[in-house]
Amino acid sequence: MLLASALPVVGAVLVIVDHPRTVSSNVPELLQSELHLDVRTLAGKISRRSGKFIFKEDHHGIVYSLDDQKEARNFAGKAVFVTGTIDSKANIVHIHKIEPTWLFHPTPRAD
């Protein structure tokens, strides 16, 4: 009896899960495209070029512009992990957070 009364609730949940909301066509195109971008974390170094802070990714050596210059200034010249979304057409990283690599790879203490 209890199982039979729970089925309508489970069915309602399945309908909600099976029919996710779609983005309305009146949402600006930029917002729609950002909803589908992957958040990535890249290792590299922040430096300054032509008066702007840039990020050079370690693995492929790709240089990206950074959208948050104020946050990037705090890590100038340092090895970091940058987490954000990448706009490959504009070659820019939309920063979610920047963390120094030493937080994840501390140097061993000399005893």
N, C-alpha and C. Protein backbone atom coordinates (compact mmCIF):
# COMPACT_ATOMS: atom_id res chain seq x y z
N MET A 1 0.82 -1.18 0.00
CA MET A 1 0.00 0.00 0.00
C MET A 1 0.87 1.24 0.00
N LEU A 2 1.88 1.26 0.84
CA LEU A 2 2.77 2.40 0.93
C LEU A 2 3.51 2.60 -0.40
N LEU A 3 3.94 1.52 -1.01
CA LEU A 3 4.64 1.60 -2.29
C LEU A 3 3.75 2.18 -3.37
N ALA A 4 2.51 1.76 -3.42
CA ALA A 4 1.58 2.26 -4.43
C ALA A 4 1.33 3.75 -4.26
N SER A 5 1.27 4.23 -3.03
CA SER A 5 1.03 5.66 -2.83
C SER A 5 2.27 6.48 -3.14
N ALA A 6 3.46 5.88 -3.14
CA ALA A 6 4.69 6.60 -3.44
C ALA A 6 4.94 6.73 -4.94
N LEU A 7 4.32 5.88 -5.75
CA LEU A 7 4.57 5.90 -7.18
C LEU A 7 4.21 7.23 -7.85
N PRO A 8 3.08 7.85 -7.54
CA PRO A 8 2.81 9.14 -8.19
C PRO A 8 3.87 10.19 -7.88
N VAL A 9 4.42 10.17 -6.69
CA VAL A 9 5.47 11.13 -6.33
C VAL A 9 6.73 10.85 -7.13
N VAL A 10 7.12 9.58 -7.22
CA VAL A 10 8.30 9.20 -7.99
C VAL A 10 8.10 9.55 -9.45
N GLY A 11 6.92 9.28 -9.98
CA GLY A 11 6.63 9.62 -11.38
C GLY A 11 6.76 11.11 -11.64
N ALA A 12 6.30 11.92 -10.69
CA ALA A 12 6.40 13.37 -10.85
C ALA A 12 7.85 13.81 -10.87
N VAL A 13 8.66 13.20 -10.02
CA VAL A 13 10.08 13.53 -9.99
C VAL A 13 10.73 13.15 -11.31
N LEU A 14 10.39 11.97 -11.83
CA LEU A 14 10.97 11.53 -13.09
C LEU A 14 10.58 12.46 -14.23
N VAL A 15 9.37 12.95 -14.22
CA VAL A 15 8.95 13.88 -15.28
C VAL A 15 9.79 15.14 -15.22
N ILE A 16 10.05 15.63 -14.01
CA ILE A 16 10.86 16.84 -13.85
C ILE A 16 12.28 16.59 -14.34
N VAL A 17 12.85 15.45 -13.97
CA VAL A 17 14.21 15.13 -14.38
C VAL A 17 14.29 14.89 -15.87
N ASP A 18 13.30 14.22 -16.44
CA ASP A 18 13.31 13.91 -17.86
C ASP A 18 13.06 15.13 -18.74
N HIS A 19 12.49 16.19 -18.19
CA HIS A 19 12.17 17.38 -18.98
C HIS A 19 12.83 18.61 -18.37
N PRO A 20 14.17 18.72 -18.51
CA PRO A 20 14.84 19.88 -17.93
C PRO A 20 14.40 21.16 -18.62
N ARG A 21 14.47 22.26 -17.88
CA ARG A 21 14.10 23.55 -18.46
C ARG A 21 15.07 23.92 -19.57
N THR A 22 14.56 24.44 -20.60
CA THR A 22 15.42 24.92 -21.68
C THR A 22 15.57 26.42 -21.54
N VAL A 23 16.64 26.92 -22.10
CA VAL A 23 16.89 28.35 -22.04
C VAL A 23 15.93 29.05 -22.98
N SER A 24 15.27 30.04 -22.48
CA SER A 24 14.30 30.80 -23.27
C SER A 24 15.00 31.51 -24.43
N SER A 25 14.32 31.65 -25.53
CA SER A 25 14.93 32.30 -26.69
C SER A 25 15.11 33.79 -26.48
N ASN A 26 14.50 34.38 -25.45
CA ASN A 26 14.68 35.80 -25.22
C ASN A 26 15.86 36.09 -24.31
N VAL A 27 16.63 35.07 -23.87
CA VAL A 27 17.83 35.27 -23.09
C VAL A 27 18.93 35.70 -24.07
N PRO A 28 19.69 36.73 -23.73
CA PRO A 28 20.75 37.19 -24.64
C PRO A 28 21.68 36.05 -25.06
N GLU A 29 22.16 36.13 -26.28
CA GLU A 29 22.99 35.08 -26.85
C GLU A 29 24.26 34.85 -26.03
N LEU A 30 24.88 35.93 -25.53
CA LEU A 30 26.10 35.79 -24.75
C LEU A 30 25.84 34.97 -23.50
N LEU A 31 24.73 35.24 -22.82
CA LEU A 31 24.39 34.48 -21.62
C LEU A 31 24.16 33.02 -21.96
N GLN A 32 23.48 32.75 -23.05
CA GLN A 32 23.24 31.36 -23.46
C GLN A 32 24.56 30.65 -23.72
N SER A 33 25.50 31.31 -24.40
CA SER A 33 26.75 30.65 -24.71
C SER A 33 27.56 30.40 -23.45
N GLU A 34 27.49 31.29 -22.46
CA GLU A 34 28.23 31.08 -21.22
C GLU A 34 27.66 29.93 -20.41
N LEU A 35 26.38 29.64 -20.57
CA LEU A 35 25.78 28.53 -19.84
C LEU A 35 26.34 27.19 -20.28
N HIS A 36 26.94 27.13 -21.45
CA HIS A 36 27.43 25.87 -22.01
C HIS A 36 28.96 25.75 -21.97
N LEU A 37 29.64 26.72 -21.39
CA LEU A 37 31.09 26.66 -21.32
C LEU A 37 31.53 25.77 -20.18
N ASP A 38 32.63 25.09 -20.38
CA ASP A 38 33.19 24.23 -19.35
C ASP A 38 34.12 25.03 -18.46
N VAL A 39 34.01 24.81 -17.17
CA VAL A 39 34.94 25.42 -16.23
C VAL A 39 36.17 24.52 -16.18
N ARG A 40 37.34 25.13 -16.32
CA ARG A 40 38.59 24.39 -16.33
C ARG A 40 39.57 24.99 -15.34
N THR A 41 40.52 24.18 -14.90
CA THR A 41 41.61 24.65 -14.07
C THR A 41 42.90 24.38 -14.82
N LEU A 42 43.67 25.44 -15.02
CA LEU A 42 44.92 25.35 -15.78
C LEU A 42 46.08 25.80 -14.91
N ALA A 43 47.22 25.15 -15.07
CA ALA A 43 48.44 25.55 -14.38
C ALA A 43 49.25 26.44 -15.29
N GLY A 44 49.86 27.45 -14.72
CA GLY A 44 50.69 28.34 -15.51
C GLY A 44 51.24 29.48 -14.69
N LYS A 45 51.58 30.57 -15.38
CA LYS A 45 52.18 31.72 -14.72
C LYS A 45 51.53 33.01 -15.22
N ILE A 46 51.30 33.92 -14.28
CA ILE A 46 50.75 35.22 -14.63
C ILE A 46 51.90 36.21 -14.77
N SER A 47 51.88 36.95 -15.86
CA SER A 47 52.90 37.98 -16.07
C SER A 47 52.24 39.18 -16.73
N ARG A 48 53.04 40.19 -17.00
CA ARG A 48 52.51 41.43 -17.57
C ARG A 48 53.08 41.61 -18.97
N ARG A 49 52.20 41.95 -19.91
CA ARG A 49 52.61 42.20 -21.29
C ARG A 49 51.81 43.39 -21.79
N SER A 50 52.50 44.39 -22.29
CA SER A 50 51.86 45.59 -22.85
C SER A 50 50.88 46.22 -21.86
N GLY A 51 51.27 46.25 -20.59
CA GLY A 51 50.44 46.89 -19.57
C GLY A 51 49.26 46.07 -19.07
N LYS A 52 49.09 44.85 -19.56
CA LYS A 52 47.98 43.98 -19.14
C LYS A 52 48.55 42.69 -18.57
N PHE A 53 47.81 42.12 -17.61
CA PHE A 53 48.20 40.83 -17.06
C PHE A 53 47.69 39.72 -17.96
N ILE A 54 48.58 38.76 -18.21
CA ILE A 54 48.27 37.62 -19.06
C ILE A 54 48.57 36.34 -18.29
N PHE A 55 48.10 35.23 -18.84
CA PHE A 55 48.32 33.92 -18.24
C PHE A 55 48.91 33.01 -19.30
N LYS A 56 50.10 32.46 -19.02
CA LYS A 56 50.71 31.49 -19.93
C LYS A 56 50.54 30.11 -19.33
N GLU A 57 49.77 29.30 -20.02
CA GLU A 57 49.44 27.95 -19.58
C GLU A 57 50.66 27.05 -19.78
N ASP A 58 50.99 26.24 -18.77
CA ASP A 58 52.20 25.41 -18.80
C ASP A 58 52.18 24.28 -19.82
N HIS A 59 51.08 23.57 -19.93
CA HIS A 59 51.04 22.34 -20.72
C HIS A 59 51.26 22.58 -22.21
N HIS A 60 50.54 23.54 -22.80
CA HIS A 60 50.65 23.80 -24.23
C HIS A 60 51.36 25.12 -24.55
N GLY A 61 51.63 25.92 -23.53
CA GLY A 61 52.29 27.20 -23.74
C GLY A 61 51.39 28.27 -24.33
N ILE A 62 50.09 28.08 -24.24
CA ILE A 62 49.13 29.04 -24.79
C ILE A 62 49.05 30.25 -23.86
N VAL A 63 49.04 31.44 -24.45
CA VAL A 63 48.94 32.67 -23.68
C VAL A 63 47.51 33.19 -23.78
N TYR A 64 46.91 33.49 -22.64
CA TYR A 64 45.54 33.98 -22.57
C TYR A 64 45.51 35.37 -21.94
N SER A 65 44.59 36.20 -22.39
CA SER A 65 44.26 37.43 -21.68
C SER A 65 43.39 37.04 -20.49
N LEU A 66 43.35 37.92 -19.50
CA LEU A 66 42.56 37.65 -18.30
C LEU A 66 41.52 38.73 -18.13
N ASP A 67 40.29 38.35 -17.85
CA ASP A 67 39.21 39.33 -17.73
C ASP A 67 39.22 40.09 -16.42
N ASP A 68 39.84 39.55 -15.38
CA ASP A 68 39.88 40.21 -14.08
C ASP A 68 41.31 40.66 -13.78
N GLN A 69 41.65 41.84 -14.26
CA GLN A 69 43.00 42.35 -14.10
C GLN A 69 43.35 42.62 -12.63
N LYS A 70 42.37 43.03 -11.85
CA LYS A 70 42.61 43.32 -10.44
C LYS A 70 43.02 42.05 -9.69
N GLU A 71 42.32 40.96 -9.93
CA GLU A 71 42.65 39.68 -9.29
C GLU A 71 44.01 39.17 -9.80
N ALA A 72 44.26 39.31 -11.09
CA ALA A 72 45.52 38.84 -11.68
C ALA A 72 46.71 39.59 -11.08
N ARG A 73 46.55 40.87 -10.78
CA ARG A 73 47.63 41.69 -10.22
C ARG A 73 48.17 41.08 -8.93
N ASN A 74 47.30 40.46 -8.15
CA ASN A 74 47.72 39.85 -6.88
C ASN A 74 48.66 38.66 -7.06
N PHE A 75 48.74 38.13 -8.27
CA PHE A 75 49.54 36.93 -8.52
C PHE A 75 50.60 37.16 -9.60
N ALA A 76 50.93 38.40 -9.88
CA ALA A 76 51.91 38.72 -10.92
C ALA A 76 53.25 38.04 -10.65
N GLY A 77 53.77 37.36 -11.67
CA GLY A 77 55.06 36.70 -11.57
C GLY A 77 55.04 35.37 -10.85
N LYS A 78 53.87 34.88 -10.50
CA LYS A 78 53.77 33.66 -9.71
C LYS A 78 53.18 32.50 -10.52
N ALA A 79 53.58 31.30 -10.13
CA ALA A 79 52.99 30.08 -10.67
C ALA A 79 51.64 29.88 -9.99
N VAL A 80 50.60 29.67 -10.80
CA VAL A 80 49.25 29.60 -10.26
C VAL A 80 48.42 28.53 -10.96
N PHE A 81 47.28 28.24 -10.35
CA PHE A 81 46.20 27.50 -10.99
C PHE A 81 45.10 28.52 -11.23
N VAL A 82 44.67 28.66 -12.48
CA VAL A 82 43.57 29.55 -12.82
C VAL A 82 42.37 28.68 -13.14
N THR A 83 41.27 28.92 -12.44
CA THR A 83 40.02 28.22 -12.70
C THR A 83 39.07 29.21 -13.34
N GLY A 84 38.49 28.82 -14.47
CA GLY A 84 37.57 29.70 -15.16
C GLY A 84 37.09 29.09 -16.46
N THR A 85 36.41 29.90 -17.22
CA THR A 85 35.93 29.47 -18.54
C THR A 85 36.79 30.14 -19.59
N ILE A 86 37.04 29.41 -20.66
CA ILE A 86 37.91 29.90 -21.73
C ILE A 86 37.08 30.27 -22.94
N ASP A 87 37.28 31.48 -23.41
CA ASP A 87 36.70 31.92 -24.67
C ASP A 87 37.81 31.78 -25.70
N SER A 88 37.79 30.68 -26.44
CA SER A 88 38.88 30.39 -27.37
C SER A 88 38.89 31.33 -28.58
N LYS A 89 37.75 31.89 -28.93
CA LYS A 89 37.71 32.84 -30.05
C LYS A 89 38.44 34.13 -29.69
N ALA A 90 38.25 34.61 -28.47
CA ALA A 90 38.89 35.86 -28.02
C ALA A 90 40.20 35.57 -27.28
N ASN A 91 40.50 34.30 -27.04
CA ASN A 91 41.70 33.87 -26.31
C ASN A 91 41.79 34.54 -24.93
N ILE A 92 40.69 34.43 -24.19
CA ILE A 92 40.60 35.04 -22.88
C ILE A 92 40.05 34.05 -21.86
N VAL A 93 40.55 34.16 -20.63
CA VAL A 93 40.03 33.34 -19.53
C VAL A 93 39.14 34.23 -18.68
N HIS A 94 37.91 33.79 -18.47
CA HIS A 94 36.99 34.45 -17.56
C HIS A 94 37.21 33.80 -16.20
N ILE A 95 37.90 34.51 -15.34
CA ILE A 95 38.40 33.95 -14.08
C ILE A 95 37.28 33.69 -13.08
N HIS A 96 37.31 32.49 -12.51
CA HIS A 96 36.47 32.16 -11.35
C HIS A 96 37.30 32.30 -10.09
N LYS A 97 38.55 31.78 -10.14
CA LYS A 97 39.47 31.95 -9.01
C LYS A 97 40.90 31.68 -9.48
N ILE A 98 41.83 32.26 -8.72
CA ILE A 98 43.26 32.04 -8.95
C ILE A 98 43.85 31.59 -7.62
N GLU A 99 44.67 30.53 -7.68
CA GLU A 99 45.30 30.00 -6.48
C GLU A 99 46.78 29.74 -6.76
N PRO A 100 47.65 30.06 -5.82
CA PRO A 100 49.07 29.76 -6.02
C PRO A 100 49.30 28.25 -6.01
N THR A 101 50.22 27.79 -6.82
CA THR A 101 50.47 26.35 -6.91
C THR A 101 51.06 25.79 -5.62
N TRP A 102 51.75 26.62 -4.83
CA TRP A 102 52.34 26.12 -3.60
C TRP A 102 51.30 25.63 -2.60
N LEU A 103 50.06 26.06 -2.75
CA LEU A 103 49.01 25.54 -1.86
C LEU A 103 48.82 24.04 -2.05
N PHE A 104 49.09 23.57 -3.26
CA PHE A 104 48.86 22.16 -3.61
C PHE A 104 50.14 21.35 -3.65
N HIS A 105 51.27 22.03 -3.75
CA HIS A 105 52.57 21.36 -3.82
C HIS A 105 53.55 22.07 -2.89
N PRO A 106 53.33 21.95 -1.58
CA PRO A 106 54.24 22.64 -0.64
C PRO A 106 55.66 22.09 -0.74
N THR A 107 56.60 22.96 -0.54
CA THR A 107 58.00 22.53 -0.56
C THR A 107 58.32 21.77 0.71
N PRO A 108 59.11 20.72 0.60
CA PRO A 108 59.45 19.94 1.80
C PRO A 108 60.30 20.78 2.76
N ARG A 109 60.06 20.58 4.03
CA ARG A 109 60.84 21.29 5.05
C ARG A 109 62.18 20.62 5.25
N ALA A 110 63.21 21.44 5.43
CA ALA A 110 64.55 20.90 5.71
C ALA A 110 64.67 20.70 7.22
N ASP A 111 64.98 19.48 7.63
CA ASP A 111 65.09 19.18 9.07
C ASP A 111 66.53 19.08 9.48
